[in-house]
Amino acid sequence: MKRKKLLVVGSVNTDMVVKSHSLPKPGETVLGGTFFMNAGGKGANQAVAAARLGADVTFICKIGNDAFGETSKKLFENEGIDTSYVLVDPDNASGVALITVDHNAENCIVVAPGANANLHASDVPDLPSIIEQFDYILMQLEIPLETIQTVADIAYQKNIPVILNPAPAKALPNSLLSKLYLITPNETEAEIITGIKVIDEDTALLAAKKMHELGVHCVIITLGAKGAFIYKDSQSEIIPSLKVKAVDTTAAGDIFNGALIVGLMEGRSIKESVQFACKASAISVTRMGAQSSAPYRNEII
C-alpha cells in the first residue's frame, strides 16, 4: 500500500524559555530559574510531531538568513522532513518566541514572527502542482491568512483534505471555513470563530454545530485536561485526556495535531485518531520544550 504524504504549511520559531515560580504581572520583574532555547513554531512543532510518529512530511515555511534559520533547517532534515520548500527571507529575521513557564506548567508567550509573516503563496512556484502530490494538508495561523486561504482553495479544488489548527486565535472568514475538512480549535479559539463561549459539553456542541454549518466537515474542540470534543456526521463525543503530571504545556496542542493527522493518514477513524493524539499530547506535557517534547511512535504504543 502506497504511503500517504503530508504537507505542513506554517511557522518556524526559536523558543527562548525561562522557568519561573510565577508569571510576571504588568510592570513586574520576576527572578526566574532555568533558561532553555528550543526549536518551536506551531508549523514546525506539528511537522516534527508527525514525522516522529512515522509520517512522510514536507514542510513549507520561511526562515531568516541567520543562525536560527540554519539551525532550524538542519533539525528538520535530522527528523526526516523534506525541506525542499524551506524558504529564506533576505530581509527579515527568523521568528522567535519568548516563553515563561510557571511552577504549575502554565505559560505566557510573546512571538516576534519575523520571516513567518512574509510567507506568501507566490513564493512557491507551481504551488497547485506541488499541493496535488499530497494526501493531507495541515496548517495553523502563525503565517499570513491570505497564504492559508490560497492553499485551502487549491486543495479544496483538488479534493485534498485540509486540517486547520486555528491558533493563535483569530476570527476566520466563511470562505476559509467552507474549504476545511477538519478544524481543531481550543475553547478560546472556538469562541472567537463562532461567538459561542465554550464552558462545557453543551456549549462545545453548539460551537461545533455552528462551525459545521459554516462548512467544516468535522470539528474537534480541545478541552485541555478534560480531553477533546468530537463532532462529525451529527454525532458528538468527548475523548478523555490521560492523567499525567505536567511540567510544560507549551506545545501540547501542536503535538496533538501532529499525532491526529498521523492517525487519519493511517486510516484510523476520527475517534481512534483523537485517542492516539491524546496519548501523544499527554507524553509531551511531561517534558520541557516544544519540538523536543514530541514523542516517538514506540513511546505511544
Protein backbone atom coordinates (compact mmCIF):
# COMPACT_ATOMS: atom_id res chain seq x y z
CA MET A 1 0.00 0.00 0.00
CA LYS A 2 1.32 3.44 -1.01
CA ARG A 3 2.47 5.55 1.94
CA LYS A 4 0.41 8.73 2.29
CA LYS A 5 2.12 12.12 2.25
CA LEU A 6 1.54 15.14 4.48
CA LEU A 7 2.20 18.76 3.56
CA VAL A 8 2.56 21.14 6.52
CA VAL A 9 2.42 24.86 5.72
CA GLY A 10 3.28 27.06 8.67
CA SER A 11 5.63 28.80 11.03
CA VAL A 12 9.04 28.11 12.48
CA ASN A 13 10.39 29.86 15.59
CA THR A 14 13.18 29.56 18.08
CA ASP A 15 11.70 29.40 21.58
CA MET A 16 13.54 31.10 24.43
CA VAL A 17 12.10 29.69 27.65
CA VAL A 18 12.55 30.73 31.27
CA LYS A 19 11.14 28.61 34.10
CA SER A 20 9.82 30.75 36.94
CA HIS A 21 7.80 30.25 40.12
CA SER A 22 5.19 32.70 38.85
CA LEU A 23 4.30 34.59 35.66
CA PRO A 24 5.12 38.32 35.88
CA LYS A 25 2.32 40.86 36.16
CA PRO A 26 2.48 44.04 34.02
CA GLY A 27 5.45 46.13 35.16
CA GLU A 28 6.79 43.36 37.40
CA THR A 29 10.22 41.76 37.18
CA VAL A 30 10.40 38.15 38.33
CA LEU A 31 13.67 36.40 39.10
CA GLY A 32 13.39 33.18 37.11
CA GLY A 33 15.25 29.91 37.11
CA THR A 34 16.45 27.68 34.30
CA PHE A 35 16.78 29.01 30.74
CA PHE A 36 16.24 26.84 27.64
CA MET A 37 16.49 27.64 23.94
CA ASN A 38 14.40 25.22 21.89
CA ALA A 39 13.12 24.77 18.35
CA GLY A 40 9.48 25.86 18.09
CA GLY A 41 6.80 27.47 15.94
CA LYS A 42 3.40 25.84 15.50
CA GLY A 43 4.02 24.66 11.97
CA ALA A 44 7.43 23.22 12.82
CA ASN A 45 6.15 21.60 16.02
CA GLN A 46 3.36 19.85 14.14
CA ALA A 47 5.63 18.78 11.30
CA VAL A 48 8.15 17.27 13.73
CA ALA A 49 5.42 15.58 15.78
CA ALA A 50 4.02 13.91 12.66
CA ALA A 51 7.47 12.92 11.38
CA ARG A 52 8.47 11.32 14.70
CA LEU A 53 5.31 9.24 14.58
CA GLY A 54 6.18 7.90 11.13
CA ALA A 55 4.56 10.30 8.65
CA ASP A 56 6.11 11.28 5.31
CA VAL A 57 6.26 15.05 5.87
CA THR A 58 7.12 18.00 3.63
CA PHE A 59 7.25 21.45 5.24
CA ILE A 60 6.66 24.82 3.55
CA CYS A 61 7.91 27.65 5.75
CA LYS A 62 10.12 30.75 5.70
CA ILE A 63 13.23 31.39 7.80
CA GLY A 64 15.63 34.31 8.06
CA ASN A 65 19.14 34.33 6.66
CA ASP A 66 20.58 33.80 10.15
CA ALA A 67 21.87 31.20 12.59
CA PHE A 68 18.39 30.48 13.99
CA GLY A 69 17.13 29.68 10.49
CA GLU A 70 20.09 27.49 9.59
CA THR A 71 19.74 25.53 12.83
CA SER A 72 16.00 25.02 12.25
CA LYS A 73 16.51 23.66 8.74
CA LYS A 74 19.16 21.19 9.95
CA LEU A 75 16.82 19.99 12.70
CA PHE A 76 14.06 19.34 10.16
CA GLU A 77 16.47 17.37 7.99
CA ASN A 78 17.55 15.34 11.02
CA GLU A 79 13.87 14.48 11.65
CA GLY A 80 13.49 13.18 8.11
CA ILE A 81 11.32 16.10 6.93
CA ASP A 82 11.57 17.16 3.26
CA THR A 83 12.98 20.71 3.36
CA SER A 84 12.76 21.45 -0.38
CA TYR A 85 10.35 24.31 0.35
CA VAL A 86 12.03 25.84 3.40
CA LEU A 87 12.42 29.35 2.01
CA VAL A 88 14.93 32.00 3.10
CA ASP A 89 13.84 35.62 3.63
CA PRO A 90 16.74 38.01 2.92
CA ASP A 91 15.03 40.94 4.65
CA ASN A 92 13.55 39.55 7.88
CA ALA A 93 14.96 37.60 10.81
CA SER A 94 13.78 34.12 11.72
CA GLY A 95 10.82 34.02 14.08
CA VAL A 96 11.40 33.89 17.84
CA ALA A 97 9.12 33.26 20.82
CA LEU A 98 9.76 34.42 24.39
CA ILE A 99 8.14 31.99 26.83
CA THR A 100 7.78 31.99 30.61
CA VAL A 101 6.64 28.76 32.33
CA ASP A 102 5.49 28.79 35.97
CA HIS A 103 5.51 26.06 38.64
CA ASN A 104 2.02 24.90 37.57
CA ALA A 105 3.28 24.37 33.98
CA GLU A 106 1.18 27.34 32.79
CA ASN A 107 2.88 29.62 30.29
CA CYS A 108 2.76 33.03 28.67
CA ILE A 109 4.24 33.58 25.22
CA VAL A 110 5.19 36.57 23.08
CA VAL A 111 6.11 35.86 19.45
CA ALA A 112 8.13 38.02 17.03
CA PRO A 113 7.01 36.44 13.71
CA GLY A 114 9.89 37.72 11.56
CA ALA A 115 10.08 35.77 8.28
CA ASN A 116 6.89 33.84 9.12
CA ALA A 117 4.83 36.96 8.44
CA ASN A 118 6.35 37.15 4.96
CA LEU A 119 5.45 33.63 3.78
CA HIS A 120 3.33 34.17 0.67
CA ALA A 121 1.79 31.67 -1.73
CA SER A 122 3.56 33.48 -4.57
CA ASP A 123 6.91 32.45 -3.02
CA VAL A 124 6.29 28.88 -4.15
CA PRO A 125 6.22 28.50 -7.95
CA ASP A 126 3.79 25.87 -9.27
CA LEU A 127 2.01 25.66 -5.90
CA PRO A 128 -1.03 23.82 -7.36
CA SER A 129 1.14 21.09 -8.86
CA ILE A 130 3.01 20.75 -5.54
CA ILE A 131 -0.17 20.53 -3.46
CA GLU A 132 -1.69 17.80 -5.64
CA GLN A 133 1.19 15.46 -4.68
CA PHE A 134 -0.08 15.25 -1.08
CA ASP A 135 -2.86 13.34 0.67
CA TYR A 136 -3.40 15.80 3.56
CA ILE A 137 -2.62 19.47 4.25
CA LEU A 138 -2.05 20.76 7.80
CA MET A 139 -1.90 24.50 8.63
CA GLN A 140 -2.04 26.93 11.58
CA LEU A 141 -2.42 30.73 11.94
CA GLU A 142 1.16 31.98 12.50
CA ILE A 143 1.55 32.83 8.80
CA PRO A 144 -0.49 35.28 6.67
CA LEU A 145 -4.18 34.41 6.39
CA GLU A 146 -4.05 35.07 2.63
CA THR A 147 -1.49 32.27 2.26
CA ILE A 148 -3.67 29.87 4.25
CA GLN A 149 -6.71 30.80 2.16
CA THR A 150 -4.85 30.26 -1.13
CA VAL A 151 -3.56 26.84 -0.08
CA ALA A 152 -7.01 25.83 1.18
CA ASP A 153 -8.67 26.97 -2.07
CA ILE A 154 -6.24 24.94 -4.21
CA ALA A 155 -6.52 21.85 -2.01
CA TYR A 156 -10.33 22.07 -1.99
CA GLN A 157 -10.41 22.21 -5.80
CA LYS A 158 -8.22 19.10 -5.91
CA ASN A 159 -10.28 17.29 -3.24
CA ILE A 160 -7.36 17.11 -0.78
CA PRO A 161 -8.48 17.35 2.88
CA VAL A 162 -7.25 20.41 4.78
CA ILE A 163 -6.84 20.36 8.56
CA LEU A 164 -6.56 23.76 10.25
CA ASN A 165 -5.40 24.31 13.80
CA PRO A 166 -6.80 27.87 14.25
CA ALA A 167 -4.09 29.13 16.61
CA PRO A 168 -3.23 31.79 17.63
CA ALA A 169 -6.91 32.67 17.99
CA LYS A 170 -8.47 34.97 15.40
CA ALA A 171 -11.75 35.36 13.54
CA LEU A 172 -11.87 33.41 10.28
CA PRO A 173 -13.78 34.17 7.06
CA ASN A 174 -16.52 31.80 5.95
CA SER A 175 -14.67 31.46 2.64
CA LEU A 176 -11.89 29.63 4.51
CA LEU A 177 -14.08 27.60 6.87
CA SER A 178 -16.08 26.23 3.95
CA LYS A 179 -12.88 24.72 2.47
CA LEU A 180 -11.85 22.79 5.59
CA TYR A 181 -12.20 19.07 6.16
CA LEU A 182 -11.30 19.38 9.85
CA ILE A 183 -10.70 22.17 12.36
CA THR A 184 -9.14 21.79 15.82
CA PRO A 185 -9.78 24.88 17.99
CA ASN A 186 -9.46 25.05 21.76
CA GLU A 187 -12.25 26.66 23.81
CA THR A 188 -10.99 30.23 23.26
CA GLU A 189 -10.46 29.75 19.53
CA ALA A 190 -13.89 28.14 19.15
CA GLU A 191 -15.49 31.15 20.84
CA ILE A 192 -13.70 33.64 18.60
CA ILE A 193 -14.73 31.73 15.46
CA THR A 194 -18.38 31.20 16.46
CA GLY A 195 -19.21 33.78 19.13
CA ILE A 196 -20.28 30.94 21.44
CA LYS A 197 -18.49 30.72 24.81
CA VAL A 198 -17.37 27.11 25.33
CA ILE A 199 -17.58 26.14 29.00
CA ASP A 200 -18.98 22.58 28.92
CA GLU A 201 -20.10 19.79 26.61
CA ASP A 202 -23.38 21.51 25.71
CA THR A 203 -21.72 24.74 24.61
CA ALA A 204 -18.98 22.78 22.81
CA LEU A 205 -21.74 21.08 20.82
CA LEU A 206 -23.33 24.44 19.93
CA ALA A 207 -19.97 25.84 18.76
CA ALA A 208 -19.16 22.69 16.79
CA LYS A 209 -22.56 22.74 15.07
CA LYS A 210 -22.01 26.40 14.13
CA MET A 211 -18.62 25.60 12.54
CA HIS A 212 -20.18 22.66 10.71
CA GLU A 213 -22.96 24.92 9.41
CA LEU A 214 -20.25 27.25 8.08
CA GLY A 215 -18.89 24.39 6.01
CA VAL A 216 -16.35 22.47 8.14
CA HIS A 217 -16.85 18.72 7.68
CA CYS A 218 -15.52 17.64 11.10
CA VAL A 219 -14.83 19.62 14.30
CA ILE A 220 -12.56 18.68 17.20
CA ILE A 221 -12.53 21.13 20.13
CA THR A 222 -9.63 20.51 22.50
CA LEU A 223 -10.64 21.00 26.14
CA GLY A 224 -7.27 20.81 27.92
CA ALA A 225 -7.31 18.43 30.87
CA LYS A 226 -10.91 17.41 30.04
CA GLY A 227 -9.89 15.89 26.72
CA ALA A 228 -11.22 16.51 23.20
CA PHE A 229 -14.78 17.00 21.90
CA ILE A 230 -15.56 15.42 18.51
CA TYR A 231 -18.43 16.45 16.24
CA LYS A 232 -18.91 14.60 12.94
CA ASP A 233 -21.96 13.43 10.98
CA SER A 234 -24.30 14.94 13.62
CA GLN A 235 -22.70 12.74 16.30
CA SER A 236 -20.64 14.05 19.24
CA GLU A 237 -18.39 12.50 21.86
CA ILE A 238 -15.73 13.54 24.39
CA ILE A 239 -12.48 11.61 24.39
CA PRO A 240 -10.94 11.99 27.88
CA SER A 241 -7.34 13.08 28.29
CA LEU A 242 -4.80 10.93 30.12
CA LYS A 243 -3.88 12.00 33.65
CA VAL A 244 -0.20 12.91 33.91
CA LYS A 245 1.96 15.31 35.93
CA ALA A 246 2.55 18.26 33.59
CA VAL A 247 5.80 20.20 33.64
CA ASP A 248 5.37 22.27 30.44
CA THR A 249 2.24 22.60 28.28
CA THR A 250 3.91 24.79 25.62
CA ALA A 251 3.39 22.57 22.56
CA ALA A 252 0.68 20.20 23.77
CA GLY A 253 -1.81 21.36 21.14
CA ASP A 254 0.77 21.10 18.36
CA ILE A 255 1.73 17.56 19.34
CA PHE A 256 -1.98 16.70 19.44
CA ASN A 257 -2.47 17.98 15.89
CA GLY A 258 0.61 16.25 14.50
CA ALA A 259 -0.44 12.94 16.02
CA LEU A 260 -4.08 13.38 14.97
CA ILE A 261 -3.15 13.67 11.32
CA VAL A 262 -0.89 10.62 11.53
CA GLY A 263 -3.86 8.63 12.79
CA LEU A 264 -6.01 9.84 9.89
CA MET A 265 -3.27 9.13 7.34
CA GLU A 266 -3.04 5.57 8.62
CA GLY A 267 -6.75 5.03 8.04
CA ARG A 268 -7.92 5.24 11.65
CA SER A 269 -11.35 6.63 12.50
CA ILE A 270 -11.68 10.14 13.90
CA LYS A 271 -12.22 8.68 17.39
CA GLU A 272 -9.19 6.39 17.16
CA SER A 273 -7.06 9.24 15.80
CA VAL A 274 -8.09 11.53 18.67
CA GLN A 275 -7.28 8.80 21.21
CA PHE A 276 -3.85 8.42 19.61
CA ALA A 277 -3.38 12.22 19.68
CA CYS A 278 -4.40 12.44 23.35
CA LYS A 279 -1.70 9.90 24.23
CA ALA A 280 0.96 11.85 22.32
CA SER A 281 -0.11 15.14 23.90
CA ALA A 282 -0.09 13.63 27.40
CA ILE A 283 3.50 12.46 26.94
CA SER A 284 4.57 15.87 25.61
CA VAL A 285 3.43 17.85 28.68
CA THR A 286 5.66 15.74 30.94
CA ARG A 287 8.71 17.24 29.19
CA MET A 288 10.18 20.70 28.71
CA GLY A 289 10.28 22.27 25.28
CA ALA A 290 8.23 22.32 22.11
CA GLN A 291 9.58 20.05 19.36
CA SER A 292 11.85 18.36 21.87
CA SER A 293 8.77 17.16 23.80
CA ALA A 294 7.24 15.34 20.80
CA PRO A 295 7.15 11.58 21.45
CA TYR A 296 8.27 8.82 19.13
CA ARG A 297 5.90 6.09 18.00
CA ASN A 298 7.25 3.39 20.32
CA GLU A 299 6.57 5.63 23.34
CA ILE A 300 2.86 5.88 22.49
CA ILE A 301 2.50 2.18 21.74
